[in-house]
Amino acid sequence: MQLSLPFIDIIIFAIIAIFLVYRLKSILGQNSDGNEQNNKIDIGKKDFTNVVKLGNSKSDVNDKKSNKDSIYSEDPTFNEKEFLKGAQNFFEMVIDCFVKGNLKNIEMYIDDKLIKNFQSVIDERLQEEETLKINIIKMASIQIKDVKKLKNFLRISVLFESEQIKVLKDKKGEIIDGDQKKSILVKDLWTFERNIQSKDLNWILVETSDA
C-alpha cells in the first residue's frame, strides 16, 4: 500500500494541473462584482479559447426589458443615438486592440478586473505564438436591452449583433479554429456604467457576456 501512494499523488497533481490550465484558458470577461458563475466563456465545441466571443456566460436577452425612460429620469442629457454610436465605435476599438494585443488605448474605459482578464488571454496567446484575426464585416444590430440603477451608478446593457470572420492560427500559420472564408453572426451583451453624480461623462465597460 505504501508503494502506491506516490503514484496516487502524481495522479492527483496531474488532475489539479489540468483543471488549472482549463480555468486559465476559459477566462476572458469578468463582471465587476466578481461573480465567478459568469466568468466562463462559451466558445462552442472547440478546445481553443483564444478565438473568443468577448463575453462570459450566455444571457437570455429576450427576458430583459429595456426601461429607457429611467435613463432620462436619471440623466436628462442622455442621447440614445449618440450613446449607441459611441458604444459601437468602442466595441470595434476593443476588438481591434484585443486582436493586436495592446490595450493601452482602451484600458481607462474598462473596469480593472475586466482589463486584467483581457490581458491574461492576450499574454497566453502571445506565449503560444498564436495569431488571432477578428474581422467585423458589418454591424447587424445594436440596441439597449437593459437599464439598471445601482446607488449612484447607472448601468446600460447593450446588445451587439455583428457579422464577423474569426480565425486562430498556430505558430506555423495553420488554422486551428475558425474559418477565414465564412462569416458568423456573433451576439455580445456588454454593460456600461457611469456615476451619474460625477462630472465625468465617460461610460466604463464593466461586464461582457455572450448573448
Protein backbone atom coordinates (compact mmCIF):
# COMPACT_ATOMS: atom_id res chain seq x y z
CA MET A 1 0.00 0.00 0.00
CA GLN A 2 2.82 2.41 0.78
CA LEU A 3 4.35 1.92 -2.67
CA SER A 4 1.12 3.05 -4.35
CA LEU A 5 0.87 6.40 -2.55
CA PRO A 6 3.39 8.32 -4.74
CA PHE A 7 1.57 7.12 -7.85
CA ILE A 8 -1.76 8.33 -6.45
CA ASP A 9 -0.18 11.68 -5.55
CA ILE A 10 1.06 12.06 -9.13
CA ILE A 11 -2.43 11.40 -10.49
CA ILE A 12 -3.96 13.95 -8.09
CA PHE A 13 -1.40 16.62 -9.03
CA ALA A 14 -1.96 15.91 -12.73
CA ILE A 15 -5.71 16.36 -12.33
CA ILE A 16 -5.18 19.64 -10.46
CA ALA A 17 -2.78 20.89 -13.15
CA ILE A 18 -5.24 20.06 -15.94
CA PHE A 19 -8.01 21.86 -14.07
CA LEU A 20 -5.90 24.99 -13.55
CA VAL A 21 -4.91 25.10 -17.23
CA TYR A 22 -8.56 24.76 -18.25
CA ARG A 23 -9.61 27.60 -15.93
CA LEU A 24 -6.86 29.85 -17.29
CA LYS A 25 -7.91 29.15 -20.87
CA SER A 26 -11.62 29.70 -20.22
CA ILE A 27 -11.49 33.19 -18.76
CA LEU A 28 -11.77 36.43 -20.65
CA GLY A 29 -14.50 38.68 -19.25
CA GLN A 30 -15.43 39.13 -15.64
CA ASN A 31 -18.11 41.32 -14.21
CA SER A 32 -17.07 43.96 -11.74
CA ASP A 33 -18.97 42.25 -8.91
CA GLY A 34 -16.70 39.21 -9.16
CA ASN A 35 -19.46 36.71 -9.95
CA GLU A 36 -17.48 33.60 -10.88
CA GLN A 37 -20.52 31.90 -12.37
CA ASN A 38 -20.47 34.49 -15.16
CA ASN A 39 -16.74 34.39 -15.80
CA LYS A 40 -16.68 31.50 -18.26
CA ILE A 41 -16.77 31.86 -22.00
CA ASP A 42 -18.88 29.59 -24.13
CA ILE A 43 -16.92 29.09 -27.34
CA GLY A 44 -18.81 26.06 -28.56
CA LYS A 45 -17.23 22.65 -29.12
CA LYS A 46 -13.74 23.93 -29.81
CA ASP A 47 -10.91 23.46 -27.32
CA PHE A 48 -9.20 26.65 -28.42
CA THR A 49 -10.18 29.59 -26.24
CA ASN A 50 -8.23 32.39 -27.90
CA VAL A 51 -10.90 32.70 -30.59
CA VAL A 52 -13.20 34.41 -28.20
CA LYS A 53 -16.62 35.84 -28.15
CA LEU A 54 -15.83 38.84 -25.99
CA GLY A 55 -18.01 37.68 -23.17
CA ASN A 56 -18.77 35.38 -20.27
CA SER A 57 -21.79 33.14 -19.89
CA LYS A 58 -24.88 33.31 -22.05
CA SER A 59 -27.59 35.80 -21.18
CA ASP A 60 -31.20 35.45 -22.21
CA VAL A 61 -31.67 38.88 -23.73
CA ASN A 62 -35.26 38.06 -24.60
CA ASP A 63 -36.17 38.06 -20.93
CA LYS A 64 -34.79 41.55 -20.38
CA LYS A 65 -36.93 44.58 -20.97
CA SER A 66 -35.32 47.92 -21.55
CA ASN A 67 -36.66 50.76 -19.45
CA LYS A 68 -35.24 53.68 -21.38
CA ASP A 69 -37.43 56.17 -19.54
CA SER A 70 -35.41 55.54 -16.39
CA ILE A 71 -32.29 56.73 -18.19
CA TYR A 72 -33.79 60.11 -19.00
CA SER A 73 -35.15 60.48 -15.48
CA GLU A 74 -31.67 59.96 -14.06
CA ASP A 75 -29.83 61.81 -16.83
CA PRO A 76 -31.96 64.28 -18.83
CA THR A 77 -28.99 64.99 -21.13
CA PHE A 78 -28.80 61.36 -22.29
CA ASN A 79 -28.90 60.93 -26.07
CA GLU A 80 -29.61 57.35 -27.14
CA LYS A 81 -28.45 57.79 -30.72
CA GLU A 82 -25.10 59.28 -29.71
CA PHE A 83 -24.66 56.72 -26.93
CA LEU A 84 -25.17 53.76 -29.29
CA LYS A 85 -22.90 55.31 -31.90
CA GLY A 86 -20.17 55.72 -29.29
CA ALA A 87 -20.80 52.19 -27.99
CA GLN A 88 -20.38 50.75 -31.48
CA ASN A 89 -17.14 52.65 -32.04
CA PHE A 90 -15.84 51.43 -28.70
CA PHE A 91 -16.91 47.85 -29.46
CA GLU A 92 -14.89 47.89 -32.66
CA MET A 93 -11.96 49.55 -30.90
CA VAL A 94 -11.87 46.93 -28.13
CA ILE A 95 -11.85 44.07 -30.63
CA ASP A 96 -9.11 45.75 -32.66
CA CYS A 97 -6.93 46.33 -29.58
CA PHE A 98 -7.57 42.80 -28.32
CA VAL A 99 -6.50 41.28 -31.64
CA LYS A 100 -3.38 43.46 -31.77
CA GLY A 101 -2.60 42.60 -28.15
CA ASN A 102 -2.34 46.21 -26.99
CA LEU A 103 -5.00 47.51 -24.59
CA LYS A 104 -3.28 50.79 -23.77
CA ASN A 105 -5.75 52.99 -25.67
CA ILE A 106 -8.85 51.49 -24.04
CA GLU A 107 -7.81 50.46 -20.53
CA MET A 108 -9.05 53.70 -18.97
CA TYR A 109 -12.57 52.92 -20.19
CA ILE A 110 -12.70 49.33 -18.91
CA ASP A 111 -13.15 48.01 -15.38
CA ASP A 112 -9.84 46.96 -13.79
CA LYS A 113 -10.82 43.31 -13.28
CA LEU A 114 -12.09 43.07 -16.82
CA ILE A 115 -8.94 44.57 -18.34
CA LYS A 116 -6.78 42.11 -16.39
CA ASN A 117 -8.72 39.18 -17.81
CA PHE A 118 -8.42 40.57 -21.32
CA GLN A 119 -4.67 40.91 -20.82
CA SER A 120 -4.29 37.39 -19.43
CA VAL A 121 -5.78 35.90 -22.59
CA ILE A 122 -3.57 38.11 -24.76
CA ASP A 123 -0.47 37.03 -22.82
CA GLU A 124 -1.41 33.39 -23.25
CA ARG A 125 -1.90 33.84 -26.99
CA LEU A 126 1.48 35.52 -27.36
CA GLN A 127 3.18 32.86 -25.28
CA GLU A 128 1.78 30.14 -27.52
CA GLU A 129 2.77 32.20 -30.61
CA GLU A 130 -0.77 32.12 -31.95
CA THR A 131 -2.24 34.69 -34.33
CA LEU A 132 -5.81 35.89 -33.95
CA LYS A 133 -7.89 37.59 -36.61
CA ILE A 134 -11.33 39.08 -35.99
CA ASN A 135 -12.79 40.98 -38.91
CA ILE A 136 -16.13 42.72 -38.36
CA ILE A 137 -17.91 42.54 -41.71
CA LYS A 138 -20.89 44.59 -40.59
CA MET A 139 -22.89 45.55 -37.51
CA ALA A 140 -26.26 43.85 -37.99
CA SER A 141 -27.91 45.38 -34.95
CA ILE A 142 -27.17 47.39 -31.82
CA GLN A 143 -29.73 48.20 -29.16
CA ILE A 144 -30.21 48.89 -25.47
CA LYS A 145 -31.53 45.78 -23.73
CA ASP A 146 -31.46 46.62 -20.04
CA VAL A 147 -31.16 49.59 -17.71
CA LYS A 148 -30.36 49.42 -14.00
CA LYS A 149 -29.51 51.91 -11.28
CA LEU A 150 -27.14 50.83 -8.51
CA LYS A 151 -26.83 53.59 -5.91
CA ASN A 152 -25.24 56.49 -7.81
CA PHE A 153 -24.37 54.36 -10.82
CA LEU A 154 -26.41 53.87 -13.95
CA ARG A 155 -25.84 50.66 -15.91
CA ILE A 156 -26.89 50.17 -19.51
CA SER A 157 -26.60 46.78 -21.23
CA VAL A 158 -26.19 46.92 -25.00
CA LEU A 159 -26.73 44.03 -27.39
CA PHE A 160 -24.31 43.95 -30.32
CA GLU A 161 -25.13 41.66 -33.24
CA SER A 162 -22.29 41.64 -35.73
CA GLU A 163 -21.19 39.55 -38.67
CA GLN A 164 -17.59 38.51 -38.14
CA ILE A 165 -14.84 36.36 -39.53
CA LYS A 166 -12.79 34.77 -36.74
CA VAL A 167 -9.61 32.79 -37.31
CA LEU A 168 -6.97 31.49 -34.94
CA LYS A 169 -3.64 30.26 -36.34
CA ASP A 170 -0.84 28.45 -34.58
CA LYS A 171 2.83 29.44 -34.76
CA LYS A 172 3.18 27.56 -38.05
CA GLY A 173 0.41 29.61 -39.62
CA GLU A 174 -2.05 26.73 -39.69
CA ILE A 175 -5.70 27.40 -38.82
CA ILE A 176 -6.65 25.72 -35.55
CA ASP A 177 -10.04 27.36 -35.16
CA GLY A 178 -12.44 29.42 -37.23
CA ASP A 179 -12.91 29.85 -40.97
CA GLN A 180 -11.30 32.70 -42.89
CA LYS A 181 -13.79 32.35 -45.75
CA LYS A 182 -17.00 32.05 -43.73
CA SER A 183 -18.53 34.74 -41.55
CA ILE A 184 -20.62 34.06 -38.44
CA LEU A 185 -23.23 36.07 -36.56
CA VAL A 186 -21.90 36.99 -33.12
CA LYS A 187 -24.13 38.30 -30.34
CA ASP A 188 -22.50 40.11 -27.43
CA LEU A 189 -24.11 41.80 -24.45
CA TRP A 190 -21.91 44.49 -22.92
CA THR A 191 -22.76 46.51 -19.83
CA PHE A 192 -21.58 50.09 -19.43
CA GLU A 193 -21.62 52.05 -16.19
CA ARG A 194 -21.43 55.72 -15.25
CA ASN A 195 -21.58 57.63 -12.00
CA ILE A 196 -24.49 60.00 -12.62
CA GLN A 197 -23.32 62.32 -9.85
CA SER A 198 -19.89 62.72 -11.39
CA LYS A 199 -18.90 65.43 -13.85
CA ASP A 200 -17.12 62.75 -15.86
CA LEU A 201 -19.49 61.82 -18.69
CA ASN A 202 -17.48 58.80 -19.84
CA TRP A 203 -19.00 55.33 -19.60
CA ILE A 204 -16.95 52.38 -18.31
CA LEU A 205 -17.29 48.83 -19.62
CA VAL A 206 -17.91 46.71 -16.51
CA GLU A 207 -19.27 43.42 -17.85
CA THR A 208 -19.34 41.36 -21.02
CA SER A 209 -21.45 38.32 -21.79
CA ASP A 210 -22.12 36.09 -24.74
CA ALA A 211 -25.75 36.62 -25.75
